[in-house]
Each structure stands twice: as C-alpha cells, then as structure tokens.
Amino acid sequence: MPKRILQGRVVSDKNEQTIVVDVERRFRHPVLKKTLRKSKKYHAHDVNNSASVGDLVRIQECAPLSKLKRWELISD
C-alpha cells in the first residue's frame, strides 16, 4: 500500500529534528452544501532541521519514530 503524502505549513520548529505541520482540507457539507475548512496538526521528523516556520512542506507517512511522530519531511 502506498504511503500517504500531505502538504501543509510549518507552524513550529522549536523541537530538535521535529516540525509541526498544519494541514488544511476542504470539503463540501453534505446537507448545507457549503465548503468547509478543517485543519489538523502533524508532528514530522526533520533530520537536517531545514524547515522553518511559515514554509510550505510535504510530509510522508513512516514507521513510528516517537510517541507523536509518524511522518517525515520529504521536501521543503
């Protein structure tokens, strides 16, 4: 099964080799037919500490690296 790839914006890079990425998704409400936006934060592994706050990045699923980290940075 292929690994999921998400795109989002870095909201925190304070931890060593870890970034927090805010991923937003848009969908249409089934009854109201209004377009809604929902966002979720993911902790991702950044080996070189290359990403900084505000960067648009892509992250990919990986094996668990810690309690919260299940994603890794693939491009800045």
PDB file of N, CA and C in Angstrom:
ATOM      1  N   MET A   1       0.836  -1.167   0.000  1.00  0.00           N
ATOM      2  CA  MET A   1       0.000   0.000   0.000  1.00  0.00           C
ATOM      3  C   MET A   1       0.895   1.250   0.000  1.00  0.00           C
ATOM      4  N   PRO A   2       0.595   2.239  -0.863  1.00  0.00           N
ATOM      5  CA  PRO A   2       1.448   3.420  -0.933  1.00  0.00           C
ATOM      6  C   PRO A   2       1.315   4.296   0.309  1.00  0.00           C
ATOM      7  N   LYS A   3       2.382   5.013   0.598  1.00  0.00           N
ATOM      8  CA  LYS A   3       2.383   5.904   1.759  1.00  0.00           C
ATOM      9  C   LYS A   3       1.664   7.194   1.402  1.00  0.00           C
ATOM     10  N   ARG A   4       0.900   7.737   2.354  1.00  0.00           N
ATOM     11  CA  ARG A   4       0.192   8.993   2.116  1.00  0.00           C
ATOM     12  C   ARG A   4       1.169  10.161   2.140  1.00  0.00           C
ATOM     13  N   ILE A   5       0.910  11.143   1.290  1.00  0.00           N
ATOM     14  CA  ILE A   5       1.697  12.362   1.247  1.00  0.00           C
ATOM     15  C   ILE A   5       0.750  13.532   1.466  1.00  0.00           C
ATOM     16  N   LEU A   6       1.089  14.409   2.421  1.00  0.00           N
ATOM     17  CA  LEU A   6       0.274  15.582   2.721  1.00  0.00           C
ATOM     18  C   LEU A   6       1.106  16.843   2.539  1.00  0.00           C
ATOM     19  N   GLN A   7       0.416  17.952   2.259  1.00  0.00           N
ATOM     20  CA  GLN A   7       1.087  19.233   2.109  1.00  0.00           C
ATOM     21  C   GLN A   7       0.509  20.204   3.120  1.00  0.00           C
ATOM     22  N   GLY A   8       1.371  20.950   3.777  1.00  0.00           N
ATOM     23  CA  GLY A   8       0.903  21.892   4.783  1.00  0.00           C
ATOM     24  C   GLY A   8       1.947  22.930   5.110  1.00  0.00           C
ATOM     25  N   ARG A   9       1.632  23.761   6.103  1.00  0.00           N
ATOM     26  CA  ARG A   9       2.504  24.856   6.502  1.00  0.00           C
ATOM     27  C   ARG A   9       3.089  24.586   7.879  1.00  0.00           C
ATOM     28  N   VAL A  10       4.380  24.855   8.034  1.00  0.00           N
ATOM     29  CA  VAL A  10       5.072  24.637   9.305  1.00  0.00           C
ATOM     30  C   VAL A  10       4.627  25.709  10.301  1.00  0.00           C
ATOM     31  N   VAL A  11       4.134  25.269  11.462  1.00  0.00           N
ATOM     32  CA  VAL A  11       3.700  26.210  12.493  1.00  0.00           C
ATOM     33  C   VAL A  11       4.654  26.232  13.685  1.00  0.00           C
ATOM     34  N   SER A  12       5.540  25.231  13.807  1.00  0.00           N
ATOM     35  CA  SER A  12       6.512  25.218  14.899  1.00  0.00           C
ATOM     36  C   SER A  12       7.735  24.405  14.492  1.00  0.00           C
ATOM     37  N   ASP A  13       8.915  24.922  14.845  1.00  0.00           N
ATOM     38  CA  ASP A  13      10.163  24.184  14.604  1.00  0.00           C
ATOM     39  C   ASP A  13      11.061  24.259  15.835  1.00  0.00           C
ATOM     40  N   LYS A  14      10.452  24.406  17.011  1.00  0.00           N
ATOM     41  CA  LYS A  14      11.222  24.603  18.240  1.00  0.00           C
ATOM     42  C   LYS A  14      11.914  23.337  18.729  1.00  0.00           C
ATOM     43  N   ASN A  15      11.367  22.164  18.424  1.00  0.00           N
ATOM     44  CA  ASN A  15      11.976  20.922  18.889  1.00  0.00           C
ATOM     45  C   ASN A  15      13.109  20.498  17.962  1.00  0.00           C
ATOM     46  N   GLU A  16      14.053  19.756  18.515  1.00  0.00           N
ATOM     47  CA  GLU A  16      15.184  19.260  17.742  1.00  0.00           C
ATOM     48  C   GLU A  16      14.709  18.158  16.797  1.00  0.00           C
ATOM     49  N   GLN A  17      14.972  18.322  15.491  1.00  0.00           N
ATOM     50  CA  GLN A  17      14.618  17.369  14.430  1.00  0.00           C
ATOM     51  C   GLN A  17      13.113  17.094  14.337  1.00  0.00           C
ATOM     52  N   THR A  18      12.291  18.019  14.793  1.00  0.00           N
ATOM     53  CA  THR A  18      10.839  17.844  14.730  1.00  0.00           C
ATOM     54  C   THR A  18      10.199  19.143  14.283  1.00  0.00           C
ATOM     55  N   ILE A  19       9.228  19.034  13.375  1.00  0.00           N
ATOM     56  CA  ILE A  19       8.431  20.188  12.990  1.00  0.00           C
ATOM     57  C   ILE A  19       6.963  19.843  13.182  1.00  0.00           C
ATOM     58  N   VAL A  20       6.143  20.861  13.392  1.00  0.00           N
ATOM     59  CA  VAL A  20       4.703  20.670  13.488  1.00  0.00           C
ATOM     60  C   VAL A  20       4.101  21.302  12.243  1.00  0.00           C
ATOM     61  N   VAL A  21       3.348  20.484  11.484  1.00  0.00           N
ATOM     62  CA  VAL A  21       2.796  20.921  10.208  1.00  0.00           C
ATOM     63  C   VAL A  21       1.282  20.971  10.311  1.00  0.00           C
ATOM     64  N   ASP A  22       0.704  22.111   9.910  1.00  0.00           N
ATOM     65  CA  ASP A  22      -0.743  22.304   9.906  1.00  0.00           C
ATOM     66  C   ASP A  22      -1.259  21.995   8.501  1.00  0.00           C
ATOM     67  N   VAL A  23      -2.037  20.921   8.376  1.00  0.00           N
ATOM     68  CA  VAL A  23      -2.580  20.500   7.079  1.00  0.00           C
ATOM     69  C   VAL A  23      -4.062  20.841   7.045  1.00  0.00           C
ATOM     70  N   GLU A  24      -4.455  21.581   6.014  1.00  0.00           N
ATOM     71  CA  GLU A  24      -5.849  22.011   5.875  1.00  0.00           C
ATOM     72  C   GLU A  24      -6.518  21.222   4.758  1.00  0.00           C
ATOM     73  N   ARG A  25      -7.749  20.800   5.012  1.00  0.00           N
ATOM     74  CA  ARG A  25      -8.517  20.109   3.974  1.00  0.00           C
ATOM     75  C   ARG A  25      -9.840  20.823   3.784  1.00  0.00           C
ATOM     76  N   ARG A  26     -10.342  20.818   2.560  1.00  0.00           N
ATOM     77  CA  ARG A  26     -11.615  21.454   2.239  1.00  0.00           C
ATOM     78  C   ARG A  26     -12.591  20.382   1.781  1.00  0.00           C
ATOM     79  N   PHE A  27     -13.848  20.534   2.192  1.00  0.00           N
ATOM     80  CA  PHE A  27     -14.862  19.581   1.790  1.00  0.00           C
ATOM     81  C   PHE A  27     -16.208  20.271   1.787  1.00  0.00           C
ATOM     82  N   ARG A  28     -17.149  19.706   1.075  1.00  0.00           N
ATOM     83  CA  ARG A  28     -18.484  20.268   0.986  1.00  0.00           C
ATOM     84  C   ARG A  28     -19.379  19.595   2.018  1.00  0.00           C
ATOM     85  N   HIS A  29     -20.122  20.393   2.785  1.00  0.00           N
ATOM     86  CA  HIS A  29     -21.033  19.865   3.795  1.00  0.00           C
ATOM     87  C   HIS A  29     -22.138  19.081   3.096  1.00  0.00           C
ATOM     88  N   PRO A  30     -22.449  17.862   3.567  1.00  0.00           N
ATOM     89  CA  PRO A  30     -23.411  17.018   2.860  1.00  0.00           C
ATOM     90  C   PRO A  30     -24.835  17.587   2.808  1.00  0.00           C
ATOM     91  N   VAL A  31     -25.244  18.340   3.813  1.00  0.00           N
ATOM     92  CA  VAL A  31     -26.607  18.874   3.850  1.00  0.00           C
ATOM     93  C   VAL A  31     -26.648  20.334   3.393  1.00  0.00           C
ATOM     94  N   LEU A  32     -25.763  21.147   3.950  1.00  0.00           N
ATOM     95  CA  LEU A  32     -25.793  22.577   3.674  1.00  0.00           C
ATOM     96  C   LEU A  32     -25.135  22.965   2.350  1.00  0.00           C
ATOM     97  N   LYS A  33     -24.339  22.056   1.775  1.00  0.00           N
ATOM     98  CA  LYS A  33     -23.631  22.286   0.510  1.00  0.00           C
ATOM     99  C   LYS A  33     -22.658  23.463   0.587  1.00  0.00           C
ATOM    100  N   LYS A  34     -22.198  23.753   1.786  1.00  0.00           N
ATOM    101  CA  LYS A  34     -21.259  24.844   1.983  1.00  0.00           C
ATOM    102  C   LYS A  34     -19.845  24.265   2.063  1.00  0.00           C
ATOM    103  N   THR A  35     -18.867  24.947   1.494  1.00  0.00           N
ATOM    104  CA  THR A  35     -17.495  24.490   1.558  1.00  0.00           C
ATOM    105  C   THR A  35     -16.914  24.831   2.926  1.00  0.00           C
ATOM    106  N   LEU A  36     -16.412  23.821   3.617  1.00  0.00           N
ATOM    107  CA  LEU A  36     -15.841  23.983   4.950  1.00  0.00           C
ATOM    108  C   LEU A  36     -14.347  23.701   4.920  1.00  0.00           C
ATOM    109  N   ARG A  37     -13.634  24.287   5.872  1.00  0.00           N
ATOM    110  CA  ARG A  37     -12.199  24.046   6.006  1.00  0.00           C
ATOM    111  C   ARG A  37     -11.930  23.455   7.382  1.00  0.00           C
ATOM    112  N   LYS A  38     -11.170  22.369   7.408  1.00  0.00           N
ATOM    113  CA  LYS A  38     -10.742  21.773   8.669  1.00  0.00           C
ATOM    114  C   LYS A  38      -9.235  21.613   8.608  1.00  0.00           C
ATOM    115  N   SER A  39      -8.584  21.794   9.742  1.00  0.00           N
ATOM    116  CA  SER A  39      -7.139  21.641   9.768  1.00  0.00           C
ATOM    117  C   SER A  39      -6.741  20.691  10.892  1.00  0.00           C
ATOM    118  N   LYS A  40      -5.588  20.081  10.703  1.00  0.00           N
ATOM    119  CA  LYS A  40      -5.058  19.142  11.688  1.00  0.00           C
ATOM    120  C   LYS A  40      -3.549  19.317  11.727  1.00  0.00           C
ATOM    121  N   LYS A  41      -2.975  19.157  12.916  1.00  0.00           N
ATOM    122  CA  LYS A  41      -1.535  19.306  13.070  1.00  0.00           C
ATOM    123  C   LYS A  41      -0.869  17.938  13.146  1.00  0.00           C
ATOM    124  N   TYR A  42       0.241  17.798  12.436  1.00  0.00           N
ATOM    125  CA  TYR A  42       1.023  16.567  12.420  1.00  0.00           C
ATOM    126  C   TYR A  42       2.448  16.884  12.855  1.00  0.00           C
ATOM    127  N   HIS A  43       3.034  15.999  13.664  1.00  0.00           N
ATOM    128  CA  HIS A  43       4.436  16.116  14.028  1.00  0.00           C
ATOM    129  C   HIS A  43       5.241  15.313  13.018  1.00  0.00           C
ATOM    130  N   ALA A  44       6.254  15.946  12.433  1.00  0.00           N
ATOM    131  CA  ALA A  44       7.045  15.294  11.392  1.00  0.00           C
ATOM    132  C   ALA A  44       8.528  15.349  11.740  1.00  0.00           C
ATOM    133  N   HIS A  45       9.267  14.347  11.270  1.00  0.00           N
ATOM    134  CA  HIS A  45      10.707  14.226  11.516  1.00  0.00           C
ATOM    135  C   HIS A  45      11.455  15.032  10.465  1.00  0.00           C
ATOM    136  N   ASP A  46      12.300  15.958  10.915  1.00  0.00           N
ATOM    137  CA  ASP A  46      13.109  16.805  10.035  1.00  0.00           C
ATOM    138  C   ASP A  46      14.566  16.575  10.412  1.00  0.00           C
ATOM    139  N   VAL A  47      15.237  15.693   9.669  1.00  0.00           N
ATOM    140  CA  VAL A  47      16.582  15.250  10.033  1.00  0.00           C
ATOM    141  C   VAL A  47      17.570  16.407  10.092  1.00  0.00           C
ATOM    142  N   ASN A  48      17.554  17.297   9.087  1.00  0.00           N
ATOM    143  CA  ASN A  48      18.561  18.358   8.986  1.00  0.00           C
ATOM    144  C   ASN A  48      18.119  19.681   9.605  1.00  0.00           C
ATOM    145  N   ASN A  49      16.966  19.717  10.239  1.00  0.00           N
ATOM    146  CA  ASN A  49      16.412  20.966  10.771  1.00  0.00           C
ATOM    147  C   ASN A  49      16.352  22.042   9.695  1.00  0.00           C
ATOM    148  N   SER A  50      15.937  21.667   8.494  1.00  0.00           N
ATOM    149  CA  SER A  50      15.956  22.584   7.352  1.00  0.00           C
ATOM    150  C   SER A  50      14.696  23.433   7.241  1.00  0.00           C
ATOM    151  N   ALA A  51      13.577  22.966   7.754  1.00  0.00           N
ATOM    152  CA  ALA A  51      12.313  23.700   7.625  1.00  0.00           C
ATOM    153  C   ALA A  51      12.190  24.727   8.744  1.00  0.00           C
ATOM    154  N   SER A  52      11.588  25.868   8.401  1.00  0.00           N
ATOM    155  CA  SER A  52      11.351  26.895   9.404  1.00  0.00           C
ATOM    156  C   SER A  52       9.889  27.303   9.376  1.00  0.00           C
ATOM    157  N   VAL A  53       9.451  28.058  10.364  1.00  0.00           N
ATOM    158  CA  VAL A  53       8.052  28.454  10.498  1.00  0.00           C
ATOM    159  C   VAL A  53       7.599  29.218   9.253  1.00  0.00           C
ATOM    160  N   GLY A  54       6.432  28.838   8.730  1.00  0.00           N
ATOM    161  CA  GLY A  54       5.872  29.501   7.558  1.00  0.00           C
ATOM    162  C   GLY A  54       6.167  28.806   6.248  1.00  0.00           C
ATOM    163  N   ASP A  55       7.080  27.839   6.236  1.00  0.00           N
ATOM    164  CA  ASP A  55       7.416  27.123   4.999  1.00  0.00           C
ATOM    165  C   ASP A  55       6.284  26.205   4.584  1.00  0.00           C
ATOM    166  N   LEU A  56       6.079  26.067   3.276  1.00  0.00           N
ATOM    167  CA  LEU A  56       5.132  25.109   2.720  1.00  0.00           C
ATOM    168  C   LEU A  56       5.905  23.823   2.464  1.00  0.00           C
ATOM    169  N   VAL A  57       5.519  22.725   3.126  1.00  0.00           N
ATOM    170  CA  VAL A  57       6.285  21.476   3.045  1.00  0.00           C
ATOM    171  C   VAL A  57       5.372  20.302   2.711  1.00  0.00           C
ATOM    172  N   ARG A  58       6.006  19.211   2.275  1.00  0.00           N
ATOM    173  CA  ARG A  58       5.311  17.946   2.032  1.00  0.00           C
ATOM    174  C   ARG A  58       5.845  16.924   3.020  1.00  0.00           C
ATOM    175  N   ILE A  59       4.923  16.157   3.622  1.00  0.00           N
ATOM    176  CA  ILE A  59       5.314  15.125   4.583  1.00  0.00           C
ATOM    177  C   ILE A  59       4.749  13.786   4.130  1.00  0.00           C
ATOM    178  N   GLN A  60       5.422  12.721   4.538  1.00  0.00           N
ATOM    179  CA  GLN A  60       5.043  11.370   4.122  1.00  0.00           C
ATOM    180  C   GLN A  60       4.960  10.470   5.342  1.00  0.00           C
ATOM    181  N   GLU A  61       4.029   9.522   5.296  1.00  0.00           N
ATOM    182  CA  GLU A  61       3.881   8.548   6.384  1.00  0.00           C
ATOM    183  C   GLU A  61       5.163   7.746   6.563  1.00  0.00           C
ATOM    184  N   CYS A  62       5.437   7.345   7.794  1.00  0.00           N
ATOM    185  CA  CYS A  62       6.569   6.468   8.061  1.00  0.00           C
ATOM    186  C   CYS A  62       6.263   5.649   9.316  1.00  0.00           C
ATOM    187  N   ALA A  63       7.159   4.768   9.653  1.00  0.00           N
ATOM    188  CA  ALA A  63       7.005   3.980  10.876  1.00  0.00           C
ATOM    189  C   ALA A  63       7.116   4.908  12.080  1.00  0.00           C
ATOM    190  N   PRO A  64       6.491   4.574  13.201  1.00  0.00           N
ATOM    191  CA  PRO A  64       6.553   5.440  14.373  1.00  0.00           C
ATOM    192  C   PRO A  64       7.992   5.707  14.833  1.00  0.00           C
ATOM    193  N   LEU A  65       8.303   6.998  15.008  1.00  0.00           N
ATOM    194  CA  LEU A  65       9.633   7.403  15.461  1.00  0.00           C
ATOM    195  C   LEU A  65       9.629   7.813  16.924  1.00  0.00           C
ATOM    196  N   SER A  66       8.473   8.212  17.429  1.00  0.00           N
ATOM    197  CA  SER A  66       8.323   8.563  18.833  1.00  0.00           C
ATOM    198  C   SER A  66       6.837   8.496  19.169  1.00  0.00           C
ATOM    199  N   LYS A  67       6.470   9.023  20.329  1.00  0.00           N
ATOM    200  CA  LYS A  67       5.069   8.965  20.753  1.00  0.00           C
ATOM    201  C   LYS A  67       4.150   9.672  19.760  1.00  0.00           C
ATOM    202  N   LEU A  68       4.568  10.804  19.221  1.00  0.00           N
ATOM    203  CA  LEU A  68       3.719  11.587  18.326  1.00  0.00           C
ATOM    204  C   LEU A  68       4.154  11.565  16.866  1.00  0.00           C
ATOM    205  N   LYS A  69       5.427  11.274  16.585  1.00  0.00           N
ATOM    206  CA  LYS A  69       5.932  11.391  15.216  1.00  0.00           C
ATOM    207  C   LYS A  69       5.681  10.121  14.401  1.00  0.00           C
ATOM    208  N   ARG A  70       4.828  10.264  13.377  1.00  0.00           N
ATOM    209  CA  ARG A  70       4.561   9.187  12.426  1.00  0.00           C
ATOM    210  C   ARG A  70       4.732   9.665  10.992  1.00  0.00           C
ATOM    211  N   TRP A  71       5.328  10.842  10.810  1.00  0.00           N
ATOM    212  CA  TRP A  71       5.502  11.457   9.492  1.00  0.00           C
ATOM    213  C   TRP A  71       6.939  11.933   9.359  1.00  0.00           C
ATOM    214  N   GLU A  72       7.413  12.031   8.096  1.00  0.00           N
ATOM    215  CA  GLU A  72       8.754  12.534   7.844  1.00  0.00           C
ATOM    216  C   GLU A  72       8.701  13.562   6.734  1.00  0.00           C
ATOM    217  N   LEU A  73       9.590  14.534   6.811  1.00  0.00           N
ATOM    218  CA  LEU A  73       9.663  15.602   5.820  1.00  0.00           C
ATOM    219  C   LEU A  73      10.290  15.046   4.550  1.00  0.00           C
ATOM    220  N   ILE A  74       9.642  15.299   3.376  1.00  0.00           N
ATOM    221  CA  ILE A  74      10.222  14.836   2.118  1.00  0.00           C
ATOM    222  C   ILE A  74      10.668  15.979   1.226  1.00  0.00           C
ATOM    223  N   SER A  75      10.094  17.184   1.377  1.00  0.00           N
ATOM    224  CA  SER A  75      10.552  18.318   0.585  1.00  0.00           C
ATOM    225  C   SER A  75      10.155  19.623   1.245  1.00  0.00           C
ATOM    226  N   ASP A  76      10.983  20.655   1.003  1.00  0.00           N
ATOM    227  CA  ASP A  76      10.696  21.988   1.540  1.00  0.00           C
ATOM    228  C   ASP A  76       9.885  22.781   0.533  1.00  0.00           C
TER     229      ASP A  76
END
